[in-house]
Amino acid sequence: MEQNWRHLPPPARPIAAATSTAVEAAQRQDAEALGDAVRDLAALDPAQTGLILGTAVRLLLEDRHPDGLDGDAVRDVLETCVRSAAVWQPEIDPHVVLLLLAGALGVSDEDGAPPPKPDVSARHATLLLAHLLAARPVPPVLVAALAEIERTQLND
């Protein structure tokens, strides 16, 4: 069943739809469907996509670690995500996953290095979200991420 995203703001709809399709493909370990979905996701506005995916990752990390997230917990997420994805996505790059985790947590270090290309970021963010979600559905976390973004923007 396809998710209806009409209740979301128009700019968020294609991001939510592409993310949902990509994460569901990753959860099924369907490499062909993941490739198609990642292309769709990478073609969208990288700033908006990054904000939504980063917020979703942060919310999932906070959910998994309600007492706080420390370096060991981040290392564990990084290692388990990369190991589980490498079985069927051998091109996964631990450094890109680390950059996504750091960005989601607001601790990214801008060292002048160029960010990963949109398709690389989209693939790795999808694999990270699929790992954090396990078998849970994608839409609730995207709706929560968008609500969090809206709340933050209204309070700024």
C-alpha atoms as a PDB file:
ATOM      1  CA  MET A   1       0.000   0.000   0.000  1.00  0.00           C
ATOM      2  CA  GLU A   2       1.365   3.388  -0.978  1.00  0.00           C
ATOM      3  CA  GLN A   3       1.453   6.137   1.647  1.00  0.00           C
ATOM      4  CA  ASN A   4      -0.581   9.267   0.953  1.00  0.00           C
ATOM      5  CA  TRP A   5       1.557  12.308   1.818  1.00  0.00           C
ATOM      6  CA  ARG A   6      -1.041  15.012   0.954  1.00  0.00           C
ATOM      7  CA  HIS A   7      -1.202  16.125   4.592  1.00  0.00           C
ATOM      8  CA  LEU A   8       2.425  17.306   4.408  1.00  0.00           C
ATOM      9  CA  PRO A   9       3.606  20.684   3.105  1.00  0.00           C
ATOM     10  CA  PRO A  10       4.145  20.499  -0.677  1.00  0.00           C
ATOM     11  CA  PRO A  11       7.985  20.726  -0.539  1.00  0.00           C
ATOM     12  CA  ALA A  12       8.142  17.782   1.893  1.00  0.00           C
ATOM     13  CA  ARG A  13       5.901  15.419  -0.072  1.00  0.00           C
ATOM     14  CA  PRO A  14       8.400  14.190  -2.682  1.00  0.00           C
ATOM     15  CA  ILE A  15      11.098  13.851  -0.024  1.00  0.00           C
ATOM     16  CA  ALA A  16       8.828  11.797   2.225  1.00  0.00           C
ATOM     17  CA  ALA A  17       7.666   9.626  -0.678  1.00  0.00           C
ATOM     18  CA  ALA A  18      11.188   8.984  -2.003  1.00  0.00           C
ATOM     19  CA  THR A  19      12.579   8.370   1.489  1.00  0.00           C
ATOM     20  CA  SER A  20       9.817   5.954   2.331  1.00  0.00           C
ATOM     21  CA  THR A  21      10.336   4.023  -0.909  1.00  0.00           C
ATOM     22  CA  ALA A  22      14.112   3.939  -0.422  1.00  0.00           C
ATOM     23  CA  VAL A  23      14.013   2.842   3.213  1.00  0.00           C
ATOM     24  CA  GLU A  24      11.438   0.163   2.490  1.00  0.00           C
ATOM     25  CA  ALA A  25      13.670  -1.150  -0.321  1.00  0.00           C
ATOM     26  CA  ALA A  26      16.629  -1.170   2.082  1.00  0.00           C
ATOM     27  CA  GLN A  27      14.578  -2.999   4.715  1.00  0.00           C
ATOM     28  CA  ARG A  28      13.803  -5.672   2.086  1.00  0.00           C
ATOM     29  CA  GLN A  29      17.433  -5.603   0.907  1.00  0.00           C
ATOM     30  CA  ASP A  30      16.200  -5.009  -2.632  1.00  0.00           C
ATOM     31  CA  ALA A  31      19.256  -3.510  -4.334  1.00  0.00           C
ATOM     32  CA  GLU A  32      17.505  -2.648  -7.608  1.00  0.00           C
ATOM     33  CA  ALA A  33      14.576  -0.883  -5.929  1.00  0.00           C
ATOM     34  CA  LEU A  34      16.990   0.895  -3.588  1.00  0.00           C
ATOM     35  CA  GLY A  35      19.030   2.164  -6.539  1.00  0.00           C
ATOM     36  CA  ASP A  36      15.930   3.572  -8.238  1.00  0.00           C
ATOM     37  CA  ALA A  37      14.660   5.181  -5.037  1.00  0.00           C
ATOM     38  CA  VAL A  38      18.070   6.665  -4.198  1.00  0.00           C
ATOM     39  CA  ARG A  39      18.221   8.282  -7.653  1.00  0.00           C
ATOM     40  CA  ASP A  40      14.808   9.852  -6.990  1.00  0.00           C
ATOM     41  CA  LEU A  41      15.844  11.015  -3.525  1.00  0.00           C
ATOM     42  CA  ALA A  42      19.191  12.401  -4.707  1.00  0.00           C
ATOM     43  CA  ALA A  43      17.442  14.494  -7.378  1.00  0.00           C
ATOM     44  CA  LEU A  44      15.552  16.486  -4.728  1.00  0.00           C
ATOM     45  CA  ASP A  45      16.740  19.629  -2.953  1.00  0.00           C
ATOM     46  CA  PRO A  46      19.765  18.465  -0.907  1.00  0.00           C
ATOM     47  CA  ALA A  47      19.283  21.036   1.878  1.00  0.00           C
ATOM     48  CA  GLN A  48      15.648  20.117   2.481  1.00  0.00           C
ATOM     49  CA  THR A  49      16.329  16.405   2.091  1.00  0.00           C
ATOM     50  CA  GLY A  50      19.277  16.576   4.479  1.00  0.00           C
ATOM     51  CA  LEU A  51      17.253  18.459   7.073  1.00  0.00           C
ATOM     52  CA  ILE A  52      14.395  15.942   6.991  1.00  0.00           C
ATOM     53  CA  LEU A  53      16.597  12.841   6.948  1.00  0.00           C
ATOM     54  CA  GLY A  54      18.954  14.235   9.576  1.00  0.00           C
ATOM     55  CA  THR A  55      16.050  15.077  11.859  1.00  0.00           C
ATOM     56  CA  ALA A  56      14.600  11.591  11.376  1.00  0.00           C
ATOM     57  CA  VAL A  57      17.961  10.015  12.268  1.00  0.00           C
ATOM     58  CA  ARG A  58      18.270  12.212  15.368  1.00  0.00           C
ATOM     59  CA  LEU A  59      14.767  11.337  16.556  1.00  0.00           C
ATOM     60  CA  LEU A  60      15.437   7.624  16.094  1.00  0.00           C
ATOM     61  CA  LEU A  61      18.728   7.896  17.987  1.00  0.00           C
ATOM     62  CA  GLU A  62      17.021   9.761  20.821  1.00  0.00           C
ATOM     63  CA  ASP A  63      14.278   7.119  20.876  1.00  0.00           C
ATOM     64  CA  ARG A  64      16.838   4.316  21.120  1.00  0.00           C
ATOM     65  CA  HIS A  65      18.835   6.128  23.799  1.00  0.00           C
ATOM     66  CA  PRO A  66      16.356   8.014  26.027  1.00  0.00           C
ATOM     67  CA  ASP A  67      18.969   8.488  28.760  1.00  0.00           C
ATOM     68  CA  GLY A  68      21.370  10.220  26.399  1.00  0.00           C
ATOM     69  CA  LEU A  69      23.717   9.326  23.623  1.00  0.00           C
ATOM     70  CA  ASP A  70      27.423   8.902  24.262  1.00  0.00           C
ATOM     71  CA  GLY A  71      30.377   8.089  22.048  1.00  0.00           C
ATOM     72  CA  ASP A  72      30.043   4.347  22.642  1.00  0.00           C
ATOM     73  CA  ALA A  73      26.417   4.404  21.525  1.00  0.00           C
ATOM     74  CA  VAL A  74      27.290   6.330  18.354  1.00  0.00           C
ATOM     75  CA  ARG A  75      30.150   3.911  17.648  1.00  0.00           C
ATOM     76  CA  ASP A  76      27.790   0.978  18.130  1.00  0.00           C
ATOM     77  CA  VAL A  77      25.232   2.423  15.703  1.00  0.00           C
ATOM     78  CA  LEU A  78      27.983   3.132  13.178  1.00  0.00           C
ATOM     79  CA  GLU A  79      29.484  -0.356  13.428  1.00  0.00           C
ATOM     80  CA  THR A  80      26.229  -2.300  13.391  1.00  0.00           C
ATOM     81  CA  CYS A  81      24.798  -0.236  10.539  1.00  0.00           C
ATOM     82  CA  VAL A  82      27.887  -0.655   8.375  1.00  0.00           C
ATOM     83  CA  ARG A  83      28.278  -4.354   9.134  1.00  0.00           C
ATOM     84  CA  SER A  84      24.651  -5.205   8.429  1.00  0.00           C
ATOM     85  CA  ALA A  85      24.510  -3.124   5.234  1.00  0.00           C
ATOM     86  CA  ALA A  86      27.879  -4.377   3.922  1.00  0.00           C
ATOM     87  CA  VAL A  87      26.392  -7.848   3.488  1.00  0.00           C
ATOM     88  CA  TRP A  88      24.322  -6.620   0.542  1.00  0.00           C
ATOM     89  CA  GLN A  89      25.693  -3.103  -0.075  1.00  0.00           C
ATOM     90  CA  PRO A  90      29.482  -3.630  -0.077  1.00  0.00           C
ATOM     91  CA  GLU A  91      30.145  -0.030  -1.201  1.00  0.00           C
ATOM     92  CA  ILE A  92      28.916   1.376   2.122  1.00  0.00           C
ATOM     93  CA  ASP A  93      31.457   3.850   3.458  1.00  0.00           C
ATOM     94  CA  PRO A  94      31.763   4.068   7.263  1.00  0.00           C
ATOM     95  CA  HIS A  95      33.072   7.630   6.975  1.00  0.00           C
ATOM     96  CA  VAL A  96      29.905   8.779   5.172  1.00  0.00           C
ATOM     97  CA  VAL A  97      27.727   7.101   7.823  1.00  0.00           C
ATOM     98  CA  LEU A  98      29.789   8.848  10.508  1.00  0.00           C
ATOM     99  CA  LEU A  99      29.312  12.208   8.753  1.00  0.00           C
ATOM    100  CA  LEU A 100      25.551  11.611   8.646  1.00  0.00           C
ATOM    101  CA  LEU A 101      25.438  10.659  12.315  1.00  0.00           C
ATOM    102  CA  ALA A 102      27.490  13.703  13.295  1.00  0.00           C
ATOM    103  CA  GLY A 103      25.334  15.986  11.153  1.00  0.00           C
ATOM    104  CA  ALA A 104      22.125  14.566  12.615  1.00  0.00           C
ATOM    105  CA  LEU A 105      23.460  15.200  16.106  1.00  0.00           C
ATOM    106  CA  GLY A 106      24.586  18.727  15.239  1.00  0.00           C
ATOM    107  CA  VAL A 107      28.267  18.040  15.822  1.00  0.00           C
ATOM    108  CA  SER A 108      29.548  17.953  12.262  1.00  0.00           C
ATOM    109  CA  ASP A 109      33.031  19.362  11.861  1.00  0.00           C
ATOM    110  CA  GLU A 110      33.252  21.566   8.796  1.00  0.00           C
ATOM    111  CA  ASP A 111      36.870  20.872   7.845  1.00  0.00           C
ATOM    112  CA  GLY A 112      36.579  22.228   4.329  1.00  0.00           C
ATOM    113  CA  ALA A 113      36.168  18.807   2.763  1.00  0.00           C
ATOM    114  CA  PRO A 114      33.371  18.680   0.208  1.00  0.00           C
ATOM    115  CA  PRO A 115      30.215  16.941   1.389  1.00  0.00           C
ATOM    116  CA  PRO A 116      29.371  13.570  -0.137  1.00  0.00           C
ATOM    117  CA  LYS A 117      27.551  13.710  -3.475  1.00  0.00           C
ATOM    118  CA  PRO A 118      23.749  13.693  -3.195  1.00  0.00           C
ATOM    119  CA  ASP A 119      23.428  10.092  -4.384  1.00  0.00           C
ATOM    120  CA  VAL A 120      26.042   8.918  -1.883  1.00  0.00           C
ATOM    121  CA  SER A 121      24.366  10.824   0.963  1.00  0.00           C
ATOM    122  CA  ALA A 122      20.928   9.542  -0.056  1.00  0.00           C
ATOM    123  CA  ARG A 123      22.083   5.910  -0.199  1.00  0.00           C
ATOM    124  CA  HIS A 124      23.894   6.057   3.129  1.00  0.00           C
ATOM    125  CA  ALA A 125      21.115   7.984   4.891  1.00  0.00           C
ATOM    126  CA  THR A 126      18.634   5.418   3.618  1.00  0.00           C
ATOM    127  CA  LEU A 127      20.751   2.541   4.904  1.00  0.00           C
ATOM    128  CA  LEU A 128      21.177   4.301   8.254  1.00  0.00           C
ATOM    129  CA  LEU A 129      17.447   4.951   8.595  1.00  0.00           C
ATOM    130  CA  ALA A 130      16.627   1.360   7.623  1.00  0.00           C
ATOM    131  CA  HIS A 131      19.058   0.142  10.272  1.00  0.00           C
ATOM    132  CA  LEU A 132      17.636   2.398  12.977  1.00  0.00           C
ATOM    133  CA  LEU A 133      14.047   1.538  12.077  1.00  0.00           C
ATOM    134  CA  ALA A 134      14.697  -2.217  11.756  1.00  0.00           C
ATOM    135  CA  ALA A 135      11.306  -3.569  10.644  1.00  0.00           C
ATOM    136  CA  ARG A 136       9.239  -0.599  11.856  1.00  0.00           C
ATOM    137  CA  PRO A 137       7.298   1.441   9.291  1.00  0.00           C
ATOM    138  CA  VAL A 138       8.858   4.552   7.814  1.00  0.00           C
ATOM    139  CA  PRO A 139       5.960   7.073   7.701  1.00  0.00           C
ATOM    140  CA  PRO A 140       5.643   7.728  11.461  1.00  0.00           C
ATOM    141  CA  VAL A 141       9.270   8.795  11.812  1.00  0.00           C
ATOM    142  CA  LEU A 142       9.035  11.081   8.775  1.00  0.00           C
ATOM    143  CA  VAL A 143       5.859  12.689  10.109  1.00  0.00           C
ATOM    144  CA  ALA A 144       7.570  13.139  13.499  1.00  0.00           C
ATOM    145  CA  ALA A 145      10.656  14.641  11.840  1.00  0.00           C
ATOM    146  CA  LEU A 146       8.557  17.135   9.914  1.00  0.00           C
ATOM    147  CA  ALA A 147       6.616  18.059  13.047  1.00  0.00           C
ATOM    148  CA  GLU A 148       9.913  18.611  14.869  1.00  0.00           C
ATOM    149  CA  ILE A 149      11.209  20.810  12.046  1.00  0.00           C
ATOM    150  CA  GLU A 150       7.996  22.835  12.082  1.00  0.00           C
ATOM    151  CA  ARG A 151       8.139  23.209  15.868  1.00  0.00           C
ATOM    152  CA  THR A 152      11.757  24.338  15.712  1.00  0.00           C
ATOM    153  CA  GLN A 153      11.072  26.846  12.939  1.00  0.00           C
ATOM    154  CA  LEU A 154       8.089  28.306  14.773  1.00  0.00           C
ATOM    155  CA  ASN A 155      10.138  28.764  17.943  1.00  0.00           C
ATOM    156  CA  ASP A 156      13.105  30.414  16.235  1.00  0.00           C
END
